[in-house]
Amino acid sequence: MQDALRKVVDVQTLDGRIALLESEVAALPRRLTMLETRLKSTQARVETAKVALQKEEARRRRMEGDIGDLKLKADKFRSQTNSVKTNEQLHALQHEIGFAEKEIRRIEDEEIESMETTERLQGDLKREEAELKIEVVAVEAEKARAREVSSRDEAEIRELKQQRAELRKDIPEEVLATYDRVAKSSRKTGIAEARAQECLGCHVKLRPQGWNELRSGAVMTCESCGRLLYYDEGNDEKLAAAKAGKLVIP
């Protein structure tokens, strides 16, 4: 029966490796989703920078159009000053000319500010586009790596499951039932070594009678955690030697 328990230990080792690989495979899509989300965020910033730049350039074009209209209006008023007949008419035209010229200067000042804003927005867009290129390359590389890792892990999982199935054939059903029940619980493991009258799964001491029965080859479970227990006389001897100062256990 101890041979069967040792096979249960091997099954548990395979189960642990399979669980680790399955966790790795399951984590890859989440990692890719995170990268895709970050990529979309950068793409959104690029689009926002483009829209802001386009709006500023359109605003400056409107200002240039307004300046052109005001210059035409001022030239028209100047041409009319030669044909006025009263001082009131002349003053009115001069007022209009002055107002147009003042508006031209104001808009030209705004135009300079707009050019500075455009330059800043162009810099922002250039930086965002450069970051986007880097992230696109990173995401594509991560996708390729994920496909490679998934393929490799899934192949190993299939092989390990086949090995596990072969091992389980030689283990009594009642032993497997106990192992499976405990392993599926929150403990994650279904068998533990008992050493120095202690369950190494939960570190609770075994009763003397149970300890003696286990050492005699009986199939037992820990009264505390429910795990199957196995005994390795060699490990007990090493522990005794270590306590005597003759051996260091790593």
Protein backbone atom coordinates (compact mmCIF):
# COMPACT_ATOMS: atom_id res chain seq x y z
CA MET A 1 0.00 0.00 0.00
CA GLN A 2 2.91 2.37 0.62
CA ASP A 3 3.83 1.96 -3.06
CA ALA A 4 0.33 3.16 -3.96
CA LEU A 5 0.74 6.16 -1.67
CA ARG A 6 4.04 7.04 -3.33
CA LYS A 7 2.20 7.03 -6.64
CA VAL A 8 -0.36 9.38 -5.09
CA VAL A 9 2.56 11.67 -4.22
CA ASP A 10 3.63 11.54 -7.88
CA VAL A 11 0.04 12.28 -8.93
CA GLN A 12 0.04 15.27 -6.59
CA THR A 13 3.30 16.53 -8.10
CA LEU A 14 1.78 16.25 -11.59
CA ASP A 15 -1.41 17.96 -10.41
CA GLY A 16 0.64 20.86 -9.06
CA ARG A 17 2.54 21.25 -12.31
CA ILE A 18 -0.65 21.02 -14.37
CA ALA A 19 -2.35 23.64 -12.18
CA LEU A 20 0.63 25.97 -12.57
CA LEU A 21 0.64 25.62 -16.36
CA GLU A 22 -3.12 26.05 -16.60
CA SER A 23 -2.85 29.19 -14.49
CA GLU A 24 -0.15 30.51 -16.81
CA VAL A 25 -2.24 29.78 -19.89
CA ALA A 26 -5.28 31.44 -18.30
CA ALA A 27 -3.26 34.53 -17.36
CA LEU A 28 -2.03 35.22 -20.89
CA PRO A 29 -5.38 36.45 -22.29
CA ARG A 30 -5.75 38.78 -19.30
CA ARG A 31 -2.27 40.13 -19.96
CA LEU A 32 -3.11 40.70 -23.63
CA THR A 33 -6.40 42.38 -22.69
CA MET A 34 -4.50 44.75 -20.41
CA LEU A 35 -2.04 45.57 -23.21
CA GLU A 36 -4.87 46.09 -25.69
CA THR A 37 -6.62 48.42 -23.25
CA ARG A 38 -3.45 50.45 -22.81
CA LEU A 39 -2.97 50.50 -26.59
CA LYS A 40 -6.53 51.77 -27.11
CA SER A 41 -5.91 54.46 -24.51
CA THR A 42 -2.82 55.64 -26.40
CA GLN A 43 -4.72 55.52 -29.70
CA ALA A 44 -7.44 57.65 -28.11
CA ARG A 45 -4.84 60.20 -26.98
CA VAL A 46 -3.43 60.32 -30.52
CA GLU A 47 -6.89 60.97 -31.94
CA THR A 48 -7.57 63.62 -29.29
CA ALA A 49 -4.27 65.35 -30.15
CA LYS A 50 -5.13 65.24 -33.86
CA VAL A 51 -8.58 66.75 -33.28
CA ALA A 52 -7.15 69.50 -31.06
CA LEU A 53 -4.54 70.31 -33.71
CA GLN A 54 -7.14 70.36 -36.48
CA LYS A 55 -9.39 72.66 -34.44
CA GLU A 56 -6.54 75.06 -33.75
CA GLU A 57 -5.51 75.14 -37.41
CA ALA A 58 -9.13 75.74 -38.45
CA ARG A 59 -9.37 78.54 -35.87
CA ARG A 60 -6.26 80.20 -37.28
CA ARG A 61 -7.65 79.93 -40.82
CA ARG A 62 -10.78 81.72 -39.65
CA MET A 63 -8.62 84.41 -38.09
CA GLU A 64 -6.72 84.82 -41.35
CA GLY A 65 -10.05 85.15 -43.17
CA ASP A 66 -11.26 87.73 -40.65
CA ILE A 67 -8.05 89.73 -41.05
CA GLY A 68 -8.48 89.68 -44.81
CA ASP A 69 -12.08 90.89 -44.52
CA LEU A 70 -11.09 93.68 -42.13
CA LYS A 71 -8.30 94.83 -44.44
CA LEU A 72 -10.70 94.97 -47.36
CA LYS A 73 -13.15 96.91 -45.22
CA ALA A 74 -10.46 99.35 -44.09
CA ASP A 75 -9.29 99.87 -47.69
CA LYS A 76 -12.88 100.51 -48.73
CA PHE A 77 -13.33 103.13 -46.02
CA ARG A 78 -10.04 104.79 -47.00
CA SER A 79 -11.15 105.03 -50.60
CA GLN A 80 -14.39 106.66 -49.46
CA THR A 81 -12.58 109.39 -47.55
CA ASN A 82 -11.71 111.07 -50.85
CA SER A 83 -15.36 111.58 -51.71
CA VAL A 84 -16.84 112.71 -48.35
CA LYS A 85 -18.36 116.20 -48.17
CA THR A 86 -18.57 116.81 -44.42
CA ASN A 87 -16.29 116.50 -41.44
CA GLU A 88 -18.84 114.24 -39.75
CA GLN A 89 -18.67 111.78 -42.63
CA LEU A 90 -14.86 111.92 -42.55
CA HIS A 91 -14.75 111.31 -38.79
CA ALA A 92 -17.16 108.40 -39.16
CA LEU A 93 -15.00 106.79 -41.83
CA GLN A 94 -11.84 107.37 -39.81
CA HIS A 95 -13.55 105.75 -36.79
CA GLU A 96 -14.42 102.70 -38.86
CA ILE A 97 -10.88 102.52 -40.25
CA GLY A 98 -9.40 102.77 -36.73
CA PHE A 99 -11.76 100.11 -35.42
CA ALA A 100 -10.83 97.76 -38.29
CA GLU A 101 -7.12 98.31 -37.75
CA LYS A 102 -7.52 97.71 -33.98
CA GLU A 103 -9.37 94.46 -34.68
CA ILE A 104 -6.65 93.42 -37.13
CA ARG A 105 -3.96 93.94 -34.47
CA ARG A 106 -6.02 92.04 -31.87
CA ILE A 107 -6.60 89.11 -34.22
CA GLU A 108 -2.94 89.12 -35.27
CA ASP A 109 -1.95 88.82 -31.57
CA GLU A 110 -4.37 85.89 -31.23
CA GLU A 111 -2.91 84.41 -34.38
CA ILE A 112 0.58 84.45 -32.84
CA GLU A 113 -0.79 82.70 -29.74
CA SER A 114 -2.53 80.20 -32.00
CA MET A 115 0.71 79.46 -33.81
CA GLU A 116 2.40 78.78 -30.45
CA THR A 117 -0.50 76.55 -29.44
CA THR A 118 -0.25 74.72 -32.76
CA GLU A 119 3.45 74.12 -32.23
CA ARG A 120 2.77 72.70 -28.77
CA LEU A 121 -0.04 70.47 -30.10
CA GLN A 122 2.21 69.23 -32.89
CA GLY A 123 4.80 68.25 -30.28
CA ASP A 124 2.12 66.47 -28.22
CA LEU A 125 0.92 64.58 -31.29
CA LYS A 126 4.45 63.58 -32.25
CA ARG A 127 5.11 62.18 -28.77
CA GLU A 128 1.81 60.29 -28.65
CA GLU A 129 2.38 58.82 -32.12
CA ALA A 130 5.90 57.71 -31.13
CA GLU A 131 4.53 56.04 -27.98
CA LEU A 132 1.79 54.39 -30.03
CA LYS A 133 4.35 52.88 -32.41
CA ILE A 134 6.30 51.44 -29.47
CA GLU A 135 3.16 49.98 -27.90
CA VAL A 136 1.99 48.46 -31.20
CA VAL A 137 5.32 46.65 -31.52
CA ALA A 138 5.14 45.55 -27.86
CA VAL A 139 1.59 44.23 -28.19
CA GLU A 140 2.40 42.30 -31.36
CA ALA A 141 5.48 40.80 -29.72
CA GLU A 142 3.45 39.87 -26.63
CA LYS A 143 0.78 38.24 -28.80
CA ALA A 144 3.43 36.16 -30.56
CA ARG A 145 4.94 35.16 -27.22
CA ALA A 146 1.51 34.30 -25.82
CA ARG A 147 0.77 32.01 -28.76
CA GLU A 148 4.13 30.30 -28.32
CA VAL A 149 3.77 29.91 -24.54
CA SER A 150 0.17 28.70 -24.82
CA SER A 151 1.09 26.13 -27.44
CA ARG A 152 4.05 24.88 -25.38
CA ASP A 153 2.14 24.80 -22.10
CA GLU A 154 -0.90 23.10 -23.59
CA ALA A 155 1.33 20.40 -25.11
CA GLU A 156 2.99 19.83 -21.72
CA ILE A 157 -0.40 19.76 -19.98
CA ARG A 158 -1.62 17.04 -22.35
CA GLU A 159 1.52 14.99 -21.69
CA LEU A 160 1.28 15.43 -17.91
CA LYS A 161 -2.39 14.49 -17.87
CA GLN A 162 -1.57 11.31 -19.76
CA GLN A 163 1.14 10.47 -17.21
CA ARG A 164 -1.28 11.20 -14.39
CA ALA A 165 -3.93 8.95 -15.90
CA GLU A 166 -1.42 6.08 -16.11
CA LEU A 167 -0.39 6.53 -12.48
CA ARG A 168 -3.97 6.66 -11.25
CA LYS A 169 -4.70 3.25 -12.79
CA ASP A 170 -2.47 1.60 -10.18
CA ILE A 171 -3.96 3.38 -7.17
CA PRO A 172 -6.92 1.88 -5.25
CA GLU A 173 -10.21 3.69 -5.81
CA GLU A 174 -10.80 4.41 -2.12
CA VAL A 175 -7.37 6.03 -1.84
CA LEU A 176 -7.96 8.13 -4.96
CA ALA A 177 -11.38 9.17 -3.68
CA THR A 178 -9.85 10.49 -0.46
CA TYR A 179 -7.04 12.24 -2.29
CA ASP A 180 -9.39 13.86 -4.84
CA ARG A 181 -11.82 15.03 -2.18
CA VAL A 182 -9.16 16.72 -0.05
CA ALA A 183 -7.17 18.07 -3.02
CA LYS A 184 -10.29 19.79 -4.40
CA SER A 185 -10.82 21.58 -1.09
CA SER A 186 -9.14 24.84 -0.16
CA ARG A 187 -6.06 22.88 0.92
CA LYS A 188 -5.05 22.26 -2.71
CA THR A 189 -3.10 19.12 -1.77
CA GLY A 190 -4.46 15.69 -0.83
CA ILE A 191 -1.45 13.87 0.57
CA ALA A 192 1.34 14.87 2.95
CA GLU A 193 4.33 13.24 4.53
CA ALA A 194 4.27 12.41 8.22
CA ARG A 195 7.63 12.89 9.86
CA ALA A 196 8.62 12.83 13.52
CA GLN A 197 4.99 12.06 14.42
CA GLU A 198 3.82 15.24 12.64
CA CYS A 199 1.71 15.87 9.52
CA LEU A 200 3.82 18.14 7.34
CA GLY A 201 0.67 19.36 5.61
CA CYS A 202 -0.85 21.06 8.67
CA HIS A 203 1.94 20.54 11.27
CA VAL A 204 -0.36 18.85 13.78
CA LYS A 205 1.01 15.99 15.89
CA LEU A 206 -0.33 12.49 15.29
CA ARG A 207 -1.53 10.34 18.13
CA PRO A 208 1.00 7.69 19.17
CA GLN A 209 -1.25 4.81 18.11
CA GLY A 210 -1.90 6.35 14.69
CA TRP A 211 1.79 7.12 14.26
CA ASN A 212 2.69 3.51 14.99
CA GLU A 213 0.03 2.21 12.60
CA LEU A 214 1.25 4.51 9.83
CA ARG A 215 4.83 3.36 10.32
CA SER A 216 3.56 -0.23 10.11
CA GLY A 217 2.17 0.43 6.63
CA ALA A 218 -1.47 1.31 7.37
CA VAL A 219 -3.32 3.78 5.10
CA MET A 220 -4.29 6.74 7.23
CA THR A 221 -5.50 10.30 6.99
CA CYS A 222 -4.59 13.23 9.19
CA GLU A 223 -7.27 13.78 11.85
CA SER A 224 -6.72 17.53 11.55
CA CYS A 225 -6.54 18.33 7.82
CA GLY A 226 -7.86 15.12 6.27
CA ARG A 227 -4.89 14.59 3.99
CA LEU A 228 -3.67 11.10 3.20
CA LEU A 229 -0.43 10.42 5.06
CA TYR A 230 2.64 8.56 3.95
CA TYR A 231 5.74 7.65 5.88
CA ASP A 232 9.32 7.68 4.59
CA GLU A 233 11.64 5.92 7.02
CA GLY A 234 14.69 7.42 5.30
CA ASN A 235 13.51 10.96 5.99
CA ASP A 236 12.85 10.10 9.62
CA GLU A 237 16.38 8.74 9.94
CA LYS A 238 17.80 11.91 8.39
CA LEU A 239 15.80 14.01 10.86
CA ALA A 240 17.07 11.97 13.78
CA ALA A 241 20.64 12.36 12.52
CA ALA A 242 20.16 16.11 12.12
CA LYS A 243 18.89 16.41 15.66
CA ALA A 244 21.96 14.51 16.82
CA GLY A 245 24.12 17.03 15.00
CA LYS A 246 25.36 14.55 12.43
CA LEU A 247 23.47 15.84 9.36
CA VAL A 248 22.16 19.14 8.07
CA ILE A 249 18.80 18.91 6.29
CA PRO A 250 18.44 21.60 3.62
